[in-house]
């Protein structure tokens, strides 16, 4: 198997570790292989790929899109390092309002799978960090929403004290005021 799949404290968020073949030339790794992801319970088909570059201390998030354009994401770092966070916003979920975060970097090539029904964001821990993420749906401005990155009711423990945040991301509402129709479905396929 080319991948290891580790369910995190919120089991629907999955840390994906690819098998990396290294030698004196560099390395080779498969990034995505639908049959193996599906066997691990990730049946998402990806529709769009995004690439961002950020300086240290930039915080991007917390973003999500409403139905019918909701997005699952597969996040990977190709240069630098981030602290990647997912917040469960699915009403009725055992982890509703909880968050999980992991460090992702270009050295170990781990990826984070974030399903629909989660607000997602990351803060940058190294200069010139580049993040590539695959989304299950295309970007749609009319369904774009967000959660305040510093909402005290969620209390995300960001490793950056004074992050650089865009004006748009700074104006997202608190958790209690989210425009959110996601409902937890225990047996729903990813």
Foldseek 3Di string as FASTA:
>chain_A
DQWDWDQDPQRVKIKIFGRWAQDPVGIDTDQDDQVVCVVVQANFDFDDKDKDWDFAQAKDFQKFFAPPQTKKKKKAKQAAKKWKKKAACAPPDPRHLEMDIDMHHNPRGMIMIGGGRIGIMIGGHHGGIMMMMTIRGDDDVVGMAGAAPCAPSHHDPHPHDDGDYDPVNNPHYHSVPGPDDHHDDPPDGD
